[in-house]
């Protein structure tokens, strides 16, 4: 699916419809020292093994792609809910 590089949408900070630039959302680097990460590491060791089930067989063939839109006026960033699709392209 092709998505335009710029769209017009409502900005809650400007309180008006402005032009937004569109990019694809990319998850940031996970922090090893965050509380949840430390807790998960701790629970993987000792008796009981892995806390969450390890996904062995993959059922889904696509991922949900989230759009990150940024207001050109004030720089406010909104995440648009992910849509499941094979390929997304910002044109």
PDB file of N, CA and C in Angstrom:
ATOM      1  N   UNK A   1       0.837  -1.174   0.000  1.00  0.00           N
ATOM      2  CA  UNK A   1       0.000   0.000   0.000  1.00  0.00           C
ATOM      3  C   UNK A   1       0.884   1.239   0.000  1.00  0.00           C
ATOM      4  N   UNK A   2       0.520   2.219  -0.787  1.00  0.00           N
ATOM      5  CA  UNK A   2       1.277   3.456  -0.851  1.00  0.00           C
ATOM      6  C   UNK A   2       0.597   4.515   0.006  1.00  0.00           C
ATOM      7  N   UNK A   3       1.394   5.173   0.858  1.00  0.00           N
ATOM      8  CA  UNK A   3       0.887   6.203   1.756  1.00  0.00           C
ATOM      9  C   UNK A   3       1.553   7.526   1.377  1.00  0.00           C
ATOM     10  N   UNK A   4       0.787   8.625   1.286  1.00  0.00           N
ATOM     11  CA  UNK A   4       1.404   9.912   0.944  1.00  0.00           C
ATOM     12  C   UNK A   4       2.363  10.397   2.028  1.00  0.00           C
ATOM     13  N   UNK A   5       3.421  11.100   1.624  1.00  0.00           N
ATOM     14  CA  UNK A   5       4.429  11.586   2.567  1.00  0.00           C
ATOM     15  C   UNK A   5       3.868  12.670   3.489  1.00  0.00           C
ATOM     16  N   UNK A   6       2.886  13.406   2.999  1.00  0.00           N
ATOM     17  CA  UNK A   6       2.247  14.451   3.800  1.00  0.00           C
ATOM     18  C   UNK A   6       0.734  14.278   3.769  1.00  0.00           C
ATOM     19  N   UNK A   7       0.115  14.380   4.964  1.00  0.00           N
ATOM     20  CA  UNK A   7      -1.342  14.312   5.046  1.00  0.00           C
ATOM     21  C   UNK A   7      -1.834  15.466   5.912  1.00  0.00           C
ATOM     22  N   UNK A   8      -3.110  15.812   5.751  1.00  0.00           N
ATOM     23  CA  UNK A   8      -3.700  16.849   6.574  1.00  0.00           C
ATOM     24  C   UNK A   8      -4.551  16.172   7.631  1.00  0.00           C
ATOM     25  N   UNK A   9      -4.291  16.480   8.915  1.00  0.00           N
ATOM     26  CA  UNK A   9      -5.010  15.846  10.004  1.00  0.00           C
ATOM     27  C   UNK A   9      -5.139  16.828  11.163  1.00  0.00           C
ATOM     28  N   UNK A  10      -5.934  16.457  12.166  1.00  0.00           N
ATOM     29  CA  UNK A  10      -6.159  17.327  13.320  1.00  0.00           C
ATOM     30  C   UNK A  10      -4.998  17.242  14.303  1.00  0.00           C
ATOM     31  N   UNK A  11      -4.481  18.394  14.706  1.00  0.00           N
ATOM     32  CA  UNK A  11      -3.410  18.443  15.708  1.00  0.00           C
ATOM     33  C   UNK A  11      -4.011  18.925  17.021  1.00  0.00           C
ATOM     34  N   UNK A  12      -3.963  18.095  18.083  1.00  0.00           N
ATOM     35  CA  UNK A  12      -4.551  18.503  19.359  1.00  0.00           C
ATOM     36  C   UNK A  12      -3.807  19.666  20.022  1.00  0.00           C
ATOM     37  N   UNK A  13      -2.527  19.826  19.710  1.00  0.00           N
ATOM     38  CA  UNK A  13      -1.765  20.918  20.316  1.00  0.00           C
ATOM     39  C   UNK A  13      -2.077  22.253  19.640  1.00  0.00           C
ATOM     40  N   UNK A  14      -2.151  22.231  18.302  1.00  0.00           N
ATOM     41  CA  UNK A  14      -2.496  23.454  17.549  1.00  0.00           C
ATOM     42  C   UNK A  14      -4.004  23.715  17.581  1.00  0.00           C
ATOM     43  N   UNK A  15      -4.777  22.674  17.887  1.00  0.00           N
ATOM     44  CA  UNK A  15      -6.244  22.711  17.903  1.00  0.00           C
ATOM     45  C   UNK A  15      -6.826  23.114  16.543  1.00  0.00           C
ATOM     46  N   UNK A  16      -6.185  22.652  15.501  1.00  0.00           N
ATOM     47  CA  UNK A  16      -6.670  22.903  14.143  1.00  0.00           C
ATOM     48  C   UNK A  16      -6.133  21.818  13.218  1.00  0.00           C
ATOM     49  N   UNK A  17      -6.644  21.774  11.992  1.00  0.00           N
ATOM     50  CA  UNK A  17      -6.141  20.822  11.011  1.00  0.00           C
ATOM     51  C   UNK A  17      -4.885  21.397  10.373  1.00  0.00           C
ATOM     52  N   UNK A  18      -3.795  20.639  10.443  1.00  0.00           N
ATOM     53  CA  UNK A  18      -2.518  21.076   9.873  1.00  0.00           C
ATOM     54  C   UNK A  18      -1.936  19.970   9.010  1.00  0.00           C
ATOM     55  N   UNK A  19      -0.838  20.272   8.349  1.00  0.00           N
ATOM     56  CA  UNK A  19      -0.143  19.287   7.512  1.00  0.00           C
ATOM     57  C   UNK A  19       0.794  18.469   8.401  1.00  0.00           C
ATOM     58  N   UNK A  20       0.751  17.161   8.243  1.00  0.00           N
ATOM     59  CA  UNK A  20       1.595  16.234   8.997  1.00  0.00           C
ATOM     60  C   UNK A  20       2.519  15.494   8.035  1.00  0.00           C
ATOM     61  N   UNK A  21       3.758  15.247   8.456  1.00  0.00           N
ATOM     62  CA  UNK A  21       4.653  14.402   7.667  1.00  0.00           C
ATOM     63  C   UNK A  21       4.506  12.969   8.175  1.00  0.00           C
ATOM     64  N   UNK A  22       4.517  12.018   7.261  1.00  0.00           N
ATOM     65  CA  UNK A  22       4.258  10.618   7.597  1.00  0.00           C
ATOM     66  C   UNK A  22       5.539   9.799   7.502  1.00  0.00           C
ATOM     67  N   UNK A  23       5.825   9.015   8.537  1.00  0.00           N
ATOM     68  CA  UNK A  23       6.923   8.047   8.522  1.00  0.00           C
ATOM     69  C   UNK A  23       6.414   6.752   9.129  1.00  0.00           C
ATOM     70  N   UNK A  24       7.171   5.689   8.954  1.00  0.00           N
ATOM     71  CA  UNK A  24       6.808   4.413   9.564  1.00  0.00           C
ATOM     72  C   UNK A  24       7.361   4.347  10.978  1.00  0.00           C
ATOM     73  N   UNK A  25       6.571   3.822  11.903  1.00  0.00           N
ATOM     74  CA  UNK A  25       7.017   3.681  13.290  1.00  0.00           C
ATOM     75  C   UNK A  25       8.006   2.540  13.389  1.00  0.00           C
ATOM     76  N   UNK A  26       9.092   2.775  14.102  1.00  0.00           N
ATOM     77  CA  UNK A  26      10.103   1.741  14.325  1.00  0.00           C
ATOM     78  C   UNK A  26      10.360   1.670  15.820  1.00  0.00           C
ATOM     79  N   UNK A  27      10.304   0.478  16.373  1.00  0.00           N
ATOM     80  CA  UNK A  27      10.520   0.311  17.812  1.00  0.00           C
ATOM     81  C   UNK A  27      11.943   0.687  18.171  1.00  0.00           C
ATOM     82  N   UNK A  28      12.104   1.367  19.292  1.00  0.00           N
ATOM     83  CA  UNK A  28      13.423   1.799  19.732  1.00  0.00           C
ATOM     84  C   UNK A  28      14.213   0.652  20.335  1.00  0.00           C
ATOM     85  N   UNK A  29      15.467   0.933  20.665  1.00  0.00           N
ATOM     86  CA  UNK A  29      16.334  -0.084  21.254  1.00  0.00           C
ATOM     87  C   UNK A  29      15.879  -0.372  22.679  1.00  0.00           C
ATOM     88  N   UNK A  30      15.798  -1.655  23.032  1.00  0.00           N
ATOM     89  CA  UNK A  30      15.361  -2.033  24.374  1.00  0.00           C
ATOM     90  C   UNK A  30      16.464  -1.758  25.379  1.00  0.00           C
ATOM     91  N   UNK A  31      16.068  -1.231  26.547  1.00  0.00           N
ATOM     92  CA  UNK A  31      17.054  -0.911  27.586  1.00  0.00           C
ATOM     93  C   UNK A  31      17.239  -2.117  28.502  1.00  0.00           C
ATOM     94  N   UNK A  32      18.469  -2.562  28.618  1.00  0.00           N
ATOM     95  CA  UNK A  32      18.766  -3.744  29.439  1.00  0.00           C
ATOM     96  C   UNK A  32      18.558  -3.472  30.925  1.00  0.00           C
ATOM     97  N   UNK A  33      18.651  -2.204  31.342  1.00  0.00           N
ATOM     98  CA  UNK A  33      18.548  -1.888  32.762  1.00  0.00           C
ATOM     99  C   UNK A  33      17.150  -1.452  33.179  1.00  0.00           C
ATOM    100  N   UNK A  34      16.176  -1.514  32.264  1.00  0.00           N
ATOM    101  CA  UNK A  34      14.810  -1.154  32.648  1.00  0.00           C
ATOM    102  C   UNK A  34      14.267  -2.250  33.569  1.00  0.00           C
ATOM    103  N   UNK A  35      13.309  -1.876  34.440  1.00  0.00           N
ATOM    104  CA  UNK A  35      12.838  -2.786  35.464  1.00  0.00           C
ATOM    105  C   UNK A  35      12.240  -4.061  34.867  1.00  0.00           C
ATOM    106  N   UNK A  36      11.416  -3.932  33.848  1.00  0.00           N
ATOM    107  CA  UNK A  36      10.776  -5.093  33.244  1.00  0.00           C
ATOM    108  C   UNK A  36      11.769  -6.038  32.602  1.00  0.00           C
ATOM    109  N   UNK A  37      12.792  -5.467  31.966  1.00  0.00           N
ATOM    110  CA  UNK A  37      13.828  -6.279  31.311  1.00  0.00           C
ATOM    111  C   UNK A  37      14.636  -7.047  32.353  1.00  0.00           C
ATOM    112  N   UNK A  38      14.964  -6.370  33.465  1.00  0.00           N
ATOM    113  CA  UNK A  38      15.719  -7.034  34.547  1.00  0.00           C
ATOM    114  C   UNK A  38      14.900  -8.141  35.182  1.00  0.00           C
ATOM    115  N   UNK A  39      13.623  -7.872  35.380  1.00  0.00           N
ATOM    116  CA  UNK A  39      12.716  -8.846  35.991  1.00  0.00           C
ATOM    117  C   UNK A  39      12.585 -10.090  35.099  1.00  0.00           C
ATOM    118  N   UNK A  40      12.449  -9.869  33.803  1.00  0.00           N
ATOM    119  CA  UNK A  40      12.305 -10.978  32.861  1.00  0.00           C
ATOM    120  C   UNK A  40      13.579 -11.829  32.847  1.00  0.00           C
ATOM    121  N   UNK A  41      14.735 -11.175  32.846  1.00  0.00           N
ATOM    122  CA  UNK A  41      16.016 -11.896  32.868  1.00  0.00           C
ATOM    123  C   UNK A  41      16.126 -12.743  34.129  1.00  0.00           C
ATOM    124  N   UNK A  42      15.706 -12.168  35.253  1.00  0.00           N
ATOM    125  CA  UNK A  42      15.786 -12.860  36.540  1.00  0.00           C
ATOM    126  C   UNK A  42      14.883 -14.090  36.548  1.00  0.00           C
ATOM    127  N   UNK A  43      13.696 -13.975  35.943  1.00  0.00           N
ATOM    128  CA  UNK A  43      12.746 -15.088  35.954  1.00  0.00           C
ATOM    129  C   UNK A  43      13.116 -16.195  34.974  1.00  0.00           C
ATOM    130  N   UNK A  44      13.992 -15.894  34.020  1.00  0.00           N
ATOM    131  CA  UNK A  44      14.438 -16.926  33.082  1.00  0.00           C
ATOM    132  C   UNK A  44      15.453 -17.862  33.735  1.00  0.00           C
ATOM    133  N   UNK A  45      16.115 -17.405  34.792  1.00  0.00           N
ATOM    134  CA  UNK A  45      17.130 -18.213  35.472  1.00  0.00           C
ATOM    135  C   UNK A  45      16.513 -18.999  36.625  1.00  0.00           C
ATOM    136  N   UNK A  46      17.236 -19.967  37.133  1.00  0.00           N
ATOM    137  CA  UNK A  46      16.772 -20.750  38.271  1.00  0.00           C
ATOM    138  C   UNK A  46      15.739 -21.789  37.861  1.00  0.00           C
ATOM    139  N   UNK A  47      15.004 -22.298  38.831  1.00  0.00           N
ATOM    140  CA  UNK A  47      14.001 -23.327  38.566  1.00  0.00           C
ATOM    141  C   UNK A  47      12.771 -22.691  37.936  1.00  0.00           C
ATOM    142  N   UNK A  48      12.144 -23.420  37.018  1.00  0.00           N
ATOM    143  CA  UNK A  48      10.929 -22.922  36.383  1.00  0.00           C
ATOM    144  C   UNK A  48      11.159 -22.513  34.953  1.00  0.00           C
ATOM    145  N   UNK A  49      12.393 -22.166  34.611  1.00  0.00           N
ATOM    146  CA  UNK A  49      12.729 -21.857  33.223  1.00  0.00           C
ATOM    147  C   UNK A  49      12.098 -20.580  32.696  1.00  0.00           C
ATOM    148  N   UNK A  50      11.851 -20.571  31.407  1.00  0.00           N
ATOM    149  CA  UNK A  50      11.313 -19.399  30.706  1.00  0.00           C
ATOM    150  C   UNK A  50       9.939 -19.025  31.250  1.00  0.00           C
ATOM    151  N   UNK A  51       9.715 -17.727  31.489  1.00  0.00           N
ATOM    152  CA  UNK A  51       8.435 -17.282  32.053  1.00  0.00           C
ATOM    153  C   UNK A  51       7.329 -17.297  31.004  1.00  0.00           C
ATOM    154  N   UNK A  52       7.613 -16.729  29.818  1.00  0.00           N
ATOM    155  CA  UNK A  52       6.605 -16.665  28.763  1.00  0.00           C
ATOM    156  C   UNK A  52       6.857 -17.789  27.770  1.00  0.00           C
ATOM    157  N   UNK A  53       5.809 -18.318  27.146  1.00  0.00           N
ATOM    158  CA  UNK A  53       6.036 -19.379  26.165  1.00  0.00           C
ATOM    159  C   UNK A  53       6.783 -18.852  24.938  1.00  0.00           C
ATOM    160  N   UNK A  54       7.793 -19.586  24.499  1.00  0.00           N
ATOM    161  CA  UNK A  54       8.551 -19.196  23.312  1.00  0.00           C
ATOM    162  C   UNK A  54       7.740 -19.604  22.092  1.00  0.00           C
ATOM    163  N   UNK A  55       7.496 -18.663  21.185  1.00  0.00           N
ATOM    164  CA  UNK A  55       6.702 -18.927  20.001  1.00  0.00           C
ATOM    165  C   UNK A  55       7.513 -19.770  19.024  1.00  0.00           C
ATOM    166  N   UNK A  56       7.085 -21.011  18.808  1.00  0.00           N
ATOM    167  CA  UNK A  56       7.827 -21.934  17.952  1.00  0.00           C
ATOM    168  C   UNK A  56       7.410 -21.819  16.483  1.00  0.00           C
ATOM    169  N   UNK A  57       6.094 -21.841  16.234  1.00  0.00           N
ATOM    170  CA  UNK A  57       5.632 -21.773  14.859  1.00  0.00           C
ATOM    171  C   UNK A  57       4.889 -20.459  14.650  1.00  0.00           C
ATOM    172  N   UNK A  58       5.204 -19.798  13.578  1.00  0.00           N
ATOM    173  CA  UNK A  58       4.637 -18.488  13.299  1.00  0.00           C
ATOM    174  C   UNK A  58       3.365 -18.643  12.476  1.00  0.00           C
ATOM    175  N   UNK A  59       2.261 -18.084  12.965  1.00  0.00           N
ATOM    176  CA  UNK A  59       0.985 -18.213  12.275  1.00  0.00           C
ATOM    177  C   UNK A  59       0.746 -17.044  11.324  1.00  0.00           C
ATOM    178  N   UNK A  60       1.169 -15.857  11.743  1.00  0.00           N
ATOM    179  CA  UNK A  60       0.896 -14.659  10.953  1.00  0.00           C
ATOM    180  C   UNK A  60       1.930 -14.503   9.831  1.00  0.00           C
ATOM    181  N   UNK A  61       1.473 -14.018   8.693  1.00  0.00           N
ATOM    182  CA  UNK A  61       2.383 -13.797   7.572  1.00  0.00           C
ATOM    183  C   UNK A  61       2.709 -12.317   7.404  1.00  0.00           C
ATOM    184  N   UNK A  62       1.956 -11.463   8.099  1.00  0.00           N
ATOM    185  CA  UNK A  62       2.175 -10.020   7.996  1.00  0.00           C
ATOM    186  C   UNK A  62       2.308  -9.409   9.383  1.00  0.00           C
ATOM    187  N   UNK A  63       2.809  -8.169   9.433  1.00  0.00           N
ATOM    188  CA  UNK A  63       2.907  -7.433  10.684  1.00  0.00           C
ATOM    189  C   UNK A  63       2.011  -6.212  10.600  1.00  0.00           C
ATOM    190  N   UNK A  64       1.578  -5.719  11.759  1.00  0.00           N
ATOM    191  CA  UNK A  64       0.782  -4.497  11.777  1.00  0.00           C
ATOM    192  C   UNK A  64       1.731  -3.314  11.706  1.00  0.00           C
ATOM    193  N   UNK A  65       1.612  -2.522  10.658  1.00  0.00           N
ATOM    194  CA  UNK A  65       2.491  -1.367  10.469  1.00  0.00           C
ATOM    195  C   UNK A  65       1.815  -0.127  11.048  1.00  0.00           C
ATOM    196  N   UNK A  66       2.505   0.557  11.975  1.00  0.00           N
ATOM    197  CA  UNK A  66       1.992   1.769  12.595  1.00  0.00           C
ATOM    198  C   UNK A  66       2.597   2.978  11.907  1.00  0.00           C
ATOM    199  N   UNK A  67       1.769   3.991  11.661  1.00  0.00           N
ATOM    200  CA  UNK A  67       2.251   5.220  11.048  1.00  0.00           C
ATOM    201  C   UNK A  67       2.553   6.248  12.127  1.00  0.00           C
ATOM    202  N   UNK A  68       3.685   6.943  11.986  1.00  0.00           N
ATOM    203  CA  UNK A  68       4.062   8.010  12.914  1.00  0.00           C
ATOM    204  C   UNK A  68       3.897   9.319  12.156  1.00  0.00           C
ATOM    205  N   UNK A  69       2.946  10.149  12.594  1.00  0.00           N
ATOM    206  CA  UNK A  69       2.731  11.415  11.899  1.00  0.00           C
ATOM    207  C   UNK A  69       3.164  12.571  12.791  1.00  0.00           C
ATOM    208  N   UNK A  70       3.863  13.545  12.184  1.00  0.00           N
ATOM    209  CA  UNK A  70       4.429  14.670  12.931  1.00  0.00           C
ATOM    210  C   UNK A  70       3.908  15.978  12.354  1.00  0.00           C
ATOM    211  N   UNK A  71       3.374  16.843  13.231  1.00  0.00           N
ATOM    212  CA  UNK A  71       2.822  18.128  12.818  1.00  0.00           C
ATOM    213  C   UNK A  71       3.948  19.042  12.337  1.00  0.00           C
ATOM    214  N   UNK A  72       3.734  19.688  11.189  1.00  0.00           N
ATOM    215  CA  UNK A  72       4.762  20.576  10.637  1.00  0.00           C
ATOM    216  C   UNK A  72       4.832  21.902  11.391  1.00  0.00           C
ATOM    217  N   UNK A  73       3.741  22.284  12.056  1.00  0.00           N
ATOM    218  CA  UNK A  73       3.693  23.564  12.764  1.00  0.00           C
ATOM    219  C   UNK A  73       4.412  23.483  14.115  1.00  0.00           C
ATOM    220  N   UNK A  74       4.013  22.501  14.934  1.00  0.00           N
ATOM    221  CA  UNK A  74       4.540  22.459  16.312  1.00  0.00           C
ATOM    222  C   UNK A  74       5.418  21.244  16.608  1.00  0.00           C
ATOM    223  N   UNK A  75       5.447  20.253  15.704  1.00  0.00           N
ATOM    224  CA  UNK A  75       6.289  19.072  15.914  1.00  0.00           C
ATOM    225  C   UNK A  75       5.639  17.984  16.757  1.00  0.00           C
ATOM    226  N   UNK A  76       4.339  18.109  17.022  1.00  0.00           N
ATOM    227  CA  UNK A  76       3.619  17.118  17.822  1.00  0.00           C
ATOM    228  C   UNK A  76       3.535  15.801  17.056  1.00  0.00           C
ATOM    229  N   UNK A  77       3.812  14.684  17.728  1.00  0.00           N
ATOM    230  CA  UNK A  77       3.833  13.372  17.079  1.00  0.00           C
ATOM    231  C   UNK A  77       2.643  12.530  17.537  1.00  0.00           C
ATOM    232  N   UNK A  78       1.946  11.939  16.572  1.00  0.00           N
ATOM    233  CA  UNK A  78       0.815  11.043  16.844  1.00  0.00           C
ATOM    234  C   UNK A  78       1.105   9.710  16.161  1.00  0.00           C
ATOM    235  N   UNK A  79       0.758   8.621  16.826  1.00  0.00           N
ATOM    236  CA  UNK A  79       0.875   7.302  16.212  1.00  0.00           C
ATOM    237  C   UNK A  79      -0.487   6.892  15.686  1.00  0.00           C
ATOM    238  N   UNK A  80      -0.554   6.548  14.415  1.00  0.00           N
ATOM    239  CA  UNK A  80      -1.783   6.047  13.821  1.00  0.00           C
ATOM    240  C   UNK A  80      -1.814   4.541  14.000  1.00  0.00           C
ATOM    241  N   UNK A  81      -2.964   4.010  14.387  1.00  0.00           N
ATOM    242  CA  UNK A  81      -3.121   2.584  14.674  1.00  0.00           C
ATOM    243  C   UNK A  81      -2.632   1.731  13.511  1.00  0.00           C
ATOM    244  N   UNK A  82      -1.949   0.649  13.837  1.00  0.00           N
ATOM    245  CA  UNK A  82      -1.370  -0.222  12.821  1.00  0.00           C
ATOM    246  C   UNK A  82      -2.385  -0.955  11.983  1.00  0.00           C
ATOM    247  N   UNK A  83      -2.093  -1.067  10.695  1.00  0.00           N
ATOM    248  CA  UNK A  83      -2.929  -1.802   9.765  1.00  0.00           C
ATOM    249  C   UNK A  83      -2.123  -3.014   9.296  1.00  0.00           C
ATOM    250  N   UNK A  84      -2.779  -4.174   9.219  1.00  0.00           N
ATOM    251  CA  UNK A  84      -2.076  -5.372   8.804  1.00  0.00           C
ATOM    252  C   UNK A  84      -1.958  -5.405   7.282  1.00  0.00           C
ATOM    253  N   UNK A  85      -0.709  -5.394   6.788  1.00  0.00           N
ATOM    254  CA  UNK A  85      -0.485  -5.444   5.343  1.00  0.00           C
ATOM    255  C   UNK A  85       0.883  -6.007   5.048  1.00  0.00           C
ATOM    256  N   UNK A  86       1.020  -6.544   3.842  1.00  0.00           N
ATOM    257  CA  UNK A  86       2.288  -7.164   3.430  1.00  0.00           C
ATOM    258  C   UNK A  86       3.394  -6.116   3.303  1.00  0.00           C
ATOM    259  N   UNK A  87       3.090  -5.030   2.560  1.00  0.00           N
ATOM    260  CA  UNK A  87       4.113  -4.024   2.325  1.00  0.00           C
ATOM    261  C   UNK A  87       3.496  -2.640   2.374  1.00  0.00           C
ATOM    262  N   UNK A  88       4.184  -1.716   3.014  1.00  0.00           N
ATOM    263  CA  UNK A  88       3.713  -0.335   3.074  1.00  0.00           C
ATOM    264  C   UNK A  88       4.839   0.561   2.592  1.00  0.00           C
ATOM    265  N   UNK A  89       4.500   1.567   1.800  1.00  0.00           N
ATOM    266  CA  UNK A  89       5.503   2.423   1.195  1.00  0.00           C
ATOM    267  C   UNK A  89       5.058   3.876   1.328  1.00  0.00           C
ATOM    268  N   UNK A  90       5.934   4.713   1.902  1.00  0.00           N
ATOM    269  CA  UNK A  90       5.640   6.144   2.029  1.00  0.00           C
ATOM    270  C   UNK A  90       6.167   6.823   0.782  1.00  0.00           C
ATOM    271  N   UNK A  91       5.237   7.417   0.000  1.00  0.00           N
ATOM    272  CA  UNK A  91       5.628   8.029  -1.277  1.00  0.00           C
ATOM    273  C   UNK A  91       5.539   9.531  -1.187  1.00  0.00           C
TER     274      UNK A  91
END
